[in-house]
Each structure stands twice: as structure tokens, then as C-alpha cells.
Amino acid sequence: FSKQFFELVLKRLEPHSGRFVIQAGSISPVEEPHLFARIHTTLRAVFTSVEPYATFVPTYGTPLGMCVASQSRSPSPDALSS
């Protein structure tokens, strides 16, 4: 994913309430350990707020990194689940 791609995503979001969520790769040190960091860094170059999350997906057998990006302050995990 490029900075230009994320800039296009940003243009499509509602200015104050839009959120973009991306599965940003494995966070396992064995599988592409730098992919998550690169995506997170690129998102931070475009969005005001970028929050990393992790979840284990049994199908993949590895923890996956997720990022929630927006132009407003970071949402709480409770707000994301509603």
C-alpha cells in the first residue's frame, strides 16, 4: 500500500467520523516482521490518528496486526464494537 493509495482512501471518508480499518499483516517475528511497521508508518503519514490492534486468527495460525485510521481522535475499543 502506498501513501497515494491511503490519500485516496482519506478523500472518501467522512471528515470527522470516517474510519479506515486495514488488516496490516502478520505481527509474528517469523513472517514478514517489517510489513506491519511499514503499513502503520505509511498510514501515519496520511491520517491524524492511527491505532494498532492485534488479533489471533486460527485460520492463519498467527497473530495479525490491524490498524484503525481516522482524522479525528482515536476511538476507544468500546466505540469500535458498537
PDB file of N, CA and C in Angstrom:
ATOM      1  N   PHE A   1       0.832  -1.182   0.000  1.00  0.00           N
ATOM      2  CA  PHE A   1       0.000   0.000   0.000  1.00  0.00           C
ATOM      3  C   PHE A   1       0.876   1.244   0.000  1.00  0.00           C
ATOM      4  N   SER A   2       0.511   2.205  -0.782  1.00  0.00           N
ATOM      5  CA  SER A   2       1.311   3.418  -0.903  1.00  0.00           C
ATOM      6  C   SER A   2       0.641   4.588  -0.188  1.00  0.00           C
ATOM      7  N   LYS A   3       1.408   5.635   0.023  1.00  0.00           N
ATOM      8  CA  LYS A   3       0.867   6.858   0.605  1.00  0.00           C
ATOM      9  C   LYS A   3      -0.243   7.405  -0.296  1.00  0.00           C
ATOM     10  N   GLN A   4      -0.051   7.332  -1.594  1.00  0.00           N
ATOM     11  CA  GLN A   4      -1.047   7.833  -2.537  1.00  0.00           C
ATOM     12  C   GLN A   4      -2.364   7.062  -2.399  1.00  0.00           C
ATOM     13  N   PHE A   5      -2.285   5.749  -2.202  1.00  0.00           N
ATOM     14  CA  PHE A   5      -3.492   4.956  -2.013  1.00  0.00           C
ATOM     15  C   PHE A   5      -4.244   5.410  -0.763  1.00  0.00           C
ATOM     16  N   PHE A   6      -3.528   5.577   0.336  1.00  0.00           N
ATOM     17  CA  PHE A   6      -4.180   5.990   1.574  1.00  0.00           C
ATOM     18  C   PHE A   6      -4.731   7.411   1.476  1.00  0.00           C
ATOM     19  N   GLU A   7      -4.109   8.268   0.690  1.00  0.00           N
ATOM     20  CA  GLU A   7      -4.659   9.606   0.459  1.00  0.00           C
ATOM     21  C   GLU A   7      -5.990   9.526  -0.285  1.00  0.00           C
ATOM     22  N   LEU A   8      -6.104   8.608  -1.237  1.00  0.00           N
ATOM     23  CA  LEU A   8      -7.378   8.399  -1.935  1.00  0.00           C
ATOM     24  C   LEU A   8      -8.443   7.876  -0.976  1.00  0.00           C
ATOM     25  N   VAL A   9      -8.060   6.965  -0.101  1.00  0.00           N
ATOM     26  CA  VAL A   9      -9.000   6.453   0.905  1.00  0.00           C
ATOM     27  C   VAL A   9      -9.490   7.608   1.778  1.00  0.00           C
ATOM     28  N   LEU A  10      -8.573   8.446   2.234  1.00  0.00           N
ATOM     29  CA  LEU A  10      -8.917   9.568   3.101  1.00  0.00           C
ATOM     30  C   LEU A  10      -9.941  10.485   2.439  1.00  0.00           C
ATOM     31  N   LYS A  11      -9.798  10.734   1.155  1.00  0.00           N
ATOM     32  CA  LYS A  11     -10.737  11.606   0.442  1.00  0.00           C
ATOM     33  C   LYS A  11     -12.153  11.043   0.428  1.00  0.00           C
ATOM     34  N   ARG A  12     -12.295   9.734   0.561  1.00  0.00           N
ATOM     35  CA  ARG A  12     -13.606   9.086   0.513  1.00  0.00           C
ATOM     36  C   ARG A  12     -14.297   9.004   1.878  1.00  0.00           C
ATOM     37  N   LEU A  13     -13.566   9.276   2.946  1.00  0.00           N
ATOM     38  CA  LEU A  13     -14.130   9.161   4.289  1.00  0.00           C
ATOM     39  C   LEU A  13     -14.845  10.435   4.708  1.00  0.00           C
ATOM     40  N   GLU A  14     -15.849  10.283   5.580  1.00  0.00           N
ATOM     41  CA  GLU A  14     -16.479  11.438   6.208  1.00  0.00           C
ATOM     42  C   GLU A  14     -15.409  12.158   7.015  1.00  0.00           C
ATOM     43  N   PRO A  15     -15.318  13.484   6.927  1.00  0.00           N
ATOM     44  CA  PRO A  15     -14.208  14.218   7.545  1.00  0.00           C
ATOM     45  C   PRO A  15     -14.020  13.994   9.047  1.00  0.00           C
ATOM     46  N   HIS A  16     -15.082  13.950   9.831  1.00  0.00           N
ATOM     47  CA  HIS A  16     -14.914  13.862  11.281  1.00  0.00           C
ATOM     48  C   HIS A  16     -15.273  12.511  11.875  1.00  0.00           C
ATOM     49  N   SER A  17     -15.968  11.698  11.104  1.00  0.00           N
ATOM     50  CA  SER A  17     -16.407  10.424  11.679  1.00  0.00           C
ATOM     51  C   SER A  17     -15.925   9.201  10.905  1.00  0.00           C
ATOM     52  N   GLY A  18     -15.310   9.407   9.753  1.00  0.00           N
ATOM     53  CA  GLY A  18     -14.877   8.277   8.936  1.00  0.00           C
ATOM     54  C   GLY A  18     -13.708   7.528   9.554  1.00  0.00           C
ATOM     55  N   ARG A  19     -13.745   6.222   9.440  1.00  0.00           N
ATOM     56  CA  ARG A  19     -12.681   5.350   9.932  1.00  0.00           C
ATOM     57  C   ARG A  19     -12.289   4.384   8.816  1.00  0.00           C
ATOM     58  N   PHE A  20     -11.012   4.107   8.737  1.00  0.00           N
ATOM     59  CA  PHE A  20     -10.494   3.136   7.781  1.00  0.00           C
ATOM     60  C   PHE A  20      -9.794   2.050   8.580  1.00  0.00           C
ATOM     61  N   VAL A  21     -10.183   0.805   8.348  1.00  0.00           N
ATOM     62  CA  VAL A  21      -9.585  -0.322   9.058  1.00  0.00           C
ATOM     63  C   VAL A  21      -8.907  -1.210   8.031  1.00  0.00           C
ATOM     64  N   ILE A  22      -7.684  -1.619   8.363  1.00  0.00           N
ATOM     65  CA  ILE A  22      -6.931  -2.458   7.439  1.00  0.00           C
ATOM     66  C   ILE A  22      -6.247  -3.596   8.200  1.00  0.00           C
ATOM     67  N   GLN A  23      -6.293  -4.768   7.608  1.00  0.00           N
ATOM     68  CA  GLN A  23      -5.509  -5.888   8.120  1.00  0.00           C
ATOM     69  C   GLN A  23      -4.117  -5.662   7.547  1.00  0.00           C
ATOM     70  N   ALA A  24      -3.176  -5.352   8.438  1.00  0.00           N
ATOM     71  CA  ALA A  24      -1.874  -4.858   8.017  1.00  0.00           C
ATOM     72  C   ALA A  24      -0.758  -5.893   8.097  1.00  0.00           C
ATOM     73  N   GLY A  25      -1.107  -7.147   8.068  1.00  0.00           N
ATOM     74  CA  GLY A  25      -0.087  -8.188   8.031  1.00  0.00           C
ATOM     75  C   GLY A  25       0.145  -8.873   9.361  1.00  0.00           C
ATOM     76  N   SER A  26       0.908  -9.916   9.299  1.00  0.00           N
ATOM     77  CA  SER A  26       1.250 -10.688  10.491  1.00  0.00           C
ATOM     78  C   SER A  26       2.153  -9.856  11.396  1.00  0.00           C
ATOM     79  N   ILE A  27       1.974 -10.026  12.693  1.00  0.00           N
ATOM     80  CA  ILE A  27       2.890  -9.386  13.636  1.00  0.00           C
ATOM     81  C   ILE A  27       3.839 -10.412  14.244  1.00  0.00           C
ATOM     82  N   SER A  28       3.855 -11.593  13.672  1.00  0.00           N
ATOM     83  CA  SER A  28       4.779 -12.633  14.085  1.00  0.00           C
ATOM     84  C   SER A  28       6.193 -12.264  13.641  1.00  0.00           C
ATOM     85  N   PRO A  29       7.190 -12.452  14.509  1.00  0.00           N
ATOM     86  CA  PRO A  29       8.565 -12.145  14.108  1.00  0.00           C
ATOM     87  C   PRO A  29       9.100 -13.099  13.037  1.00  0.00           C
ATOM     88  N   VAL A  30       8.380 -14.183  12.794  1.00  0.00           N
ATOM     89  CA  VAL A  30       8.823 -15.180  11.817  1.00  0.00           C
ATOM     90  C   VAL A  30       8.352 -14.825  10.400  1.00  0.00           C
ATOM     91  N   GLU A  31       7.164 -14.251  10.288  1.00  0.00           N
ATOM     92  CA  GLU A  31       6.566 -13.955   8.984  1.00  0.00           C
ATOM     93  C   GLU A  31       6.594 -12.461   8.693  1.00  0.00           C
ATOM     94  N   GLU A  32       7.290 -12.033   7.701  1.00  0.00           N
ATOM     95  CA  GLU A  32       7.340 -10.632   7.272  1.00  0.00           C
ATOM     96  C   GLU A  32       7.270  -9.653   8.446  1.00  0.00           C
ATOM     97  N   PRO A  33       8.244  -9.635   9.316  1.00  0.00           N
ATOM     98  CA  PRO A  33       8.164  -8.824  10.529  1.00  0.00           C
ATOM     99  C   PRO A  33       8.106  -7.319  10.282  1.00  0.00           C
ATOM    100  N   HIS A  34       8.480  -6.848   9.111  1.00  0.00           N
ATOM    101  CA  HIS A  34       8.506  -5.410   8.858  1.00  0.00           C
ATOM    102  C   HIS A  34       7.275  -4.897   8.119  1.00  0.00           C
ATOM    103  N   LEU A  35       6.437  -5.792   7.608  1.00  0.00           N
ATOM    104  CA  LEU A  35       5.265  -5.376   6.841  1.00  0.00           C
ATOM    105  C   LEU A  35       4.327  -4.514   7.678  1.00  0.00           C
ATOM    106  N   PHE A  36       3.980  -4.977   8.865  1.00  0.00           N
ATOM    107  CA  PHE A  36       3.063  -4.223   9.722  1.00  0.00           C
ATOM    108  C   PHE A  36       3.617  -2.832  10.016  1.00  0.00           C
ATOM    109  N   ALA A  37       4.883  -2.751  10.359  1.00  0.00           N
ATOM    110  CA  ALA A  37       5.503  -1.461  10.679  1.00  0.00           C
ATOM    111  C   ALA A  37       5.474  -0.517   9.479  1.00  0.00           C
ATOM    112  N   ARG A  38       5.725  -1.027   8.291  1.00  0.00           N
ATOM    113  CA  ARG A  38       5.701  -0.178   7.091  1.00  0.00           C
ATOM    114  C   ARG A  38       4.303   0.373   6.830  1.00  0.00           C
ATOM    115  N   ILE A  39       3.291  -0.487   6.934  1.00  0.00           N
ATOM    116  CA  ILE A  39       1.915  -0.034   6.703  1.00  0.00           C
ATOM    117  C   ILE A  39       1.511   0.986   7.762  1.00  0.00           C
ATOM    118  N   HIS A  40       1.819   0.715   9.018  1.00  0.00           N
ATOM    119  CA  HIS A  40       1.492   1.634  10.112  1.00  0.00           C
ATOM    120  C   HIS A  40       2.166   2.992   9.873  1.00  0.00           C
ATOM    121  N   THR A  41       3.417   2.998   9.501  1.00  0.00           N
ATOM    122  CA  THR A  41       4.158   4.242   9.252  1.00  0.00           C
ATOM    123  C   THR A  41       3.555   5.021   8.086  1.00  0.00           C
ATOM    124  N   THR A  42       3.188   4.320   7.023  1.00  0.00           N
ATOM    125  CA  THR A  42       2.583   4.980   5.868  1.00  0.00           C
ATOM    126  C   THR A  42       1.232   5.582   6.226  1.00  0.00           C
ATOM    127  N   LEU A  43       0.428   4.861   6.985  1.00  0.00           N
ATOM    128  CA  LEU A  43      -0.860   5.407   7.432  1.00  0.00           C
ATOM    129  C   LEU A  43      -0.660   6.681   8.251  1.00  0.00           C
ATOM    130  N   ARG A  44       0.338   6.681   9.127  1.00  0.00           N
ATOM    131  CA  ARG A  44       0.594   7.855   9.985  1.00  0.00           C
ATOM    132  C   ARG A  44       1.027   9.075   9.172  1.00  0.00           C
ATOM    133  N   ALA A  45       1.554   8.859   7.982  1.00  0.00           N
ATOM    134  CA  ALA A  45       1.927   9.971   7.118  1.00  0.00           C
ATOM    135  C   ALA A  45       0.709  10.652   6.499  1.00  0.00           C
ATOM    136  N   VAL A  46      -0.443   9.979   6.540  1.00  0.00           N
ATOM    137  CA  VAL A  46      -1.656  10.495   5.902  1.00  0.00           C
ATOM    138  C   VAL A  46      -2.734  10.855   6.921  1.00  0.00           C
ATOM    139  N   PHE A  47      -2.926  10.006   7.922  1.00  0.00           N
ATOM    140  CA  PHE A  47      -4.020  10.184   8.883  1.00  0.00           C
ATOM    141  C   PHE A  47      -3.516  10.801  10.189  1.00  0.00           C
ATOM    142  N   THR A  48      -4.385  11.568  10.831  1.00  0.00           N
ATOM    143  CA  THR A  48      -4.069  12.185  12.118  1.00  0.00           C
ATOM    144  C   THR A  48      -3.931  11.149  13.217  1.00  0.00           C
ATOM    145  N   SER A  49      -4.798  10.163  13.194  1.00  0.00           N
ATOM    146  CA  SER A  49      -4.831   9.141  14.240  1.00  0.00           C
ATOM    147  C   SER A  49      -4.745   7.752  13.624  1.00  0.00           C
ATOM    148  N   VAL A  50      -3.795   6.961  14.092  1.00  0.00           N
ATOM    149  CA  VAL A  50      -3.660   5.576  13.643  1.00  0.00           C
ATOM    150  C   VAL A  50      -3.438   4.717  14.888  1.00  0.00           C
ATOM    151  N   GLU A  51      -4.345   3.792  15.122  1.00  0.00           N
ATOM    152  CA  GLU A  51      -4.256   2.911  16.287  1.00  0.00           C
ATOM    153  C   GLU A  51      -4.010   1.479  15.839  1.00  0.00           C
ATOM    154  N   PRO A  52      -2.951   0.857  16.348  1.00  0.00           N
ATOM    155  CA  PRO A  52      -2.697  -0.550  16.017  1.00  0.00           C
ATOM    156  C   PRO A  52      -3.459  -1.478  16.954  1.00  0.00           C
ATOM    157  N   TYR A  53      -3.907  -2.583  16.423  1.00  0.00           N
ATOM    158  CA  TYR A  53      -4.565  -3.635  17.201  1.00  0.00           C
ATOM    159  C   TYR A  53      -4.012  -4.973  16.720  1.00  0.00           C
ATOM    160  N   ALA A  54      -4.159  -5.974  17.532  1.00  0.00           N
ATOM    161  CA  ALA A  54      -3.730  -7.321  17.137  1.00  0.00           C
ATOM    162  C   ALA A  54      -4.821  -8.316  17.490  1.00  0.00           C
ATOM    163  N   THR A  55      -4.922  -9.342  16.681  1.00  0.00           N
ATOM    164  CA  THR A  55      -5.879 -10.411  16.944  1.00  0.00           C
ATOM    165  C   THR A  55      -5.288 -11.716  16.416  1.00  0.00           C
ATOM    166  N   PHE A  56      -5.649 -12.791  17.060  1.00  0.00           N
ATOM    167  CA  PHE A  56      -5.204 -14.107  16.597  1.00  0.00           C
ATOM    168  C   PHE A  56      -6.292 -14.693  15.720  1.00  0.00           C
ATOM    169  N   VAL A  57      -5.921 -15.139  14.522  1.00  0.00           N
ATOM    170  CA  VAL A  57      -6.868 -15.737  13.579  1.00  0.00           C
ATOM    171  C   VAL A  57      -6.472 -17.196  13.403  1.00  0.00           C
ATOM    172  N   PRO A  58      -7.257 -18.120  13.963  1.00  0.00           N
ATOM    173  CA  PRO A  58      -6.894 -19.539  13.901  1.00  0.00           C
ATOM    174  C   PRO A  58      -6.656 -20.055  12.476  1.00  0.00           C
ATOM    175  N   THR A  59      -7.403 -19.543  11.518  1.00  0.00           N
ATOM    176  CA  THR A  59      -7.234 -19.993  10.135  1.00  0.00           C
ATOM    177  C   THR A  59      -5.813 -19.776   9.641  1.00  0.00           C
ATOM    178  N   TYR A  60      -5.228 -18.659  10.035  1.00  0.00           N
ATOM    179  CA  TYR A  60      -3.870 -18.339   9.609  1.00  0.00           C
ATOM    180  C   TYR A  60      -2.819 -18.874  10.574  1.00  0.00           C
ATOM    181  N   GLY A  61      -3.224 -19.149  11.804  1.00  0.00           N
ATOM    182  CA  GLY A  61      -2.300 -19.688  12.791  1.00  0.00           C
ATOM    183  C   GLY A  61      -1.261 -18.698  13.270  1.00  0.00           C
ATOM    184  N   THR A  62      -1.552 -17.424  13.142  1.00  0.00           N
ATOM    185  CA  THR A  62      -0.592 -16.390  13.527  1.00  0.00           C
ATOM    186  C   THR A  62      -1.342 -15.146  13.983  1.00  0.00           C
ATOM    187  N   PRO A  63      -0.727 -14.339  14.819  1.00  0.00           N
ATOM    188  CA  PRO A  63      -1.379 -13.081  15.180  1.00  0.00           C
ATOM    189  C   PRO A  63      -1.298 -12.093  14.012  1.00  0.00           C
ATOM    190  N   LEU A  64      -2.410 -11.414  13.758  1.00  0.00           N
ATOM    191  CA  LEU A  64      -2.467 -10.441  12.679  1.00  0.00           C
ATOM    192  C   LEU A  64      -2.571  -9.038  13.254  1.00  0.00           C
ATOM    193  N   GLY A  65      -1.903  -8.106  12.613  1.00  0.00           N
ATOM    194  CA  GLY A  65      -1.972  -6.713  13.016  1.00  0.00           C
ATOM    195  C   GLY A  65      -3.040  -5.985  12.217  1.00  0.00           C
ATOM    196  N   MET A  66      -3.772  -5.140  12.900  1.00  0.00           N
ATOM    197  CA  MET A  66      -4.815  -4.324  12.285  1.00  0.00           C
ATOM    198  C   MET A  66      -4.513  -2.876  12.621  1.00  0.00           C
ATOM    199  N   CYS A  67      -4.937  -1.965  11.771  1.00  0.00           N
ATOM    200  CA  CYS A  67      -4.816  -0.535  12.058  1.00  0.00           C
ATOM    201  C   CYS A  67      -6.161   0.127  11.800  1.00  0.00           C
ATOM    202  N   VAL A  68      -6.529   1.030  12.695  1.00  0.00           N
ATOM    203  CA  VAL A  68      -7.712   1.864  12.527  1.00  0.00           C
ATOM    204  C   VAL A  68      -7.198   3.286  12.343  1.00  0.00           C
ATOM    205  N   ALA A  69      -7.532   3.898  11.218  1.00  0.00           N
ATOM    206  CA  ALA A  69      -7.040   5.232  10.904  1.00  0.00           C
ATOM    207  C   ALA A  69      -8.200   6.200  10.736  1.00  0.00           C
ATOM    208  N   SER A  70      -7.989   7.442  11.187  1.00  0.00           N
ATOM    209  CA  SER A  70      -9.017   8.472  11.047  1.00  0.00           C
ATOM    210  C   SER A  70      -8.374   9.847  11.138  1.00  0.00           C
ATOM    211  N   GLN A  71      -9.181  10.874  10.895  1.00  0.00           N
ATOM    212  CA  GLN A  71      -8.717  12.245  11.033  1.00  0.00           C
ATOM    213  C   GLN A  71      -9.120  12.843  12.371  1.00  0.00           C
ATOM    214  N   SER A  72      -9.851  12.097  13.168  1.00  0.00           N
ATOM    215  CA  SER A  72     -10.249  12.575  14.485  1.00  0.00           C
ATOM    216  C   SER A  72      -9.513  11.768  15.539  1.00  0.00           C
ATOM    217  N   ARG A  73      -9.716  12.144  16.781  1.00  0.00           N
ATOM    218  CA  ARG A  73      -9.012  11.445  17.854  1.00  0.00           C
ATOM    219  C   ARG A  73      -9.319   9.961  17.832  1.00  0.00           C
ATOM    220  N   SER A  74      -8.457   9.203  18.440  1.00  0.00           N
ATOM    221  CA  SER A  74      -8.571   7.753  18.422  1.00  0.00           C
ATOM    222  C   SER A  74      -9.849   7.297  19.106  1.00  0.00           C
ATOM    223  N   PRO A  75     -10.575   6.386  18.472  1.00  0.00           N
ATOM    224  CA  PRO A  75     -11.764   5.839  19.111  1.00  0.00           C
ATOM    225  C   PRO A  75     -11.374   4.830  20.183  1.00  0.00           C
ATOM    226  N   SER A  76     -12.210   4.723  21.187  1.00  0.00           N
ATOM    227  CA  SER A  76     -11.968   3.699  22.202  1.00  0.00           C
ATOM    228  C   SER A  76     -12.360   2.352  21.631  1.00  0.00           C
ATOM    229  N   PRO A  77     -11.780   1.265  22.133  1.00  0.00           N
ATOM    230  CA  PRO A  77     -12.185  -0.063  21.649  1.00  0.00           C
ATOM    231  C   PRO A  77     -13.685  -0.310  21.817  1.00  0.00           C
ATOM    232  N   ASP A  78     -14.300   0.260  22.864  1.00  0.00           N
ATOM    233  CA  ASP A  78     -15.745   0.098  23.066  1.00  0.00           C
ATOM    234  C   ASP A  78     -16.525   0.768  21.949  1.00  0.00           C
ATOM    235  N   ALA A  79     -16.066   1.923  21.513  1.00  0.00           N
ATOM    236  CA  ALA A  79     -16.755   2.628  20.423  1.00  0.00           C
ATOM    237  C   ALA A  79     -16.679   1.866  19.111  1.00  0.00           C
ATOM    238  N   LEU A  80     -15.580   1.160  18.913  1.00  0.00           N
ATOM    239  CA  LEU A  80     -15.413   0.394  17.681  1.00  0.00           C
ATOM    240  C   LEU A  80     -16.338  -0.807  17.615  1.00  0.00           C
ATOM    241  N   SER A  81     -16.703  -1.351  18.772  1.00  0.00           N
ATOM    242  CA  SER A  81     -17.528  -2.559  18.776  1.00  0.00           C
ATOM    243  C   SER A  81     -19.007  -2.245  18.618  1.00  0.00           C
ATOM    244  N   SER A  82     -19.391  -0.983  18.711  1.00  0.00           N
ATOM    245  CA  SER A  82     -20.821  -0.652  18.591  1.00  0.00           C
ATOM    246  C   SER A  82     -21.212  -0.336  17.175  1.00  0.00           C
TER     247      SER A  82
END
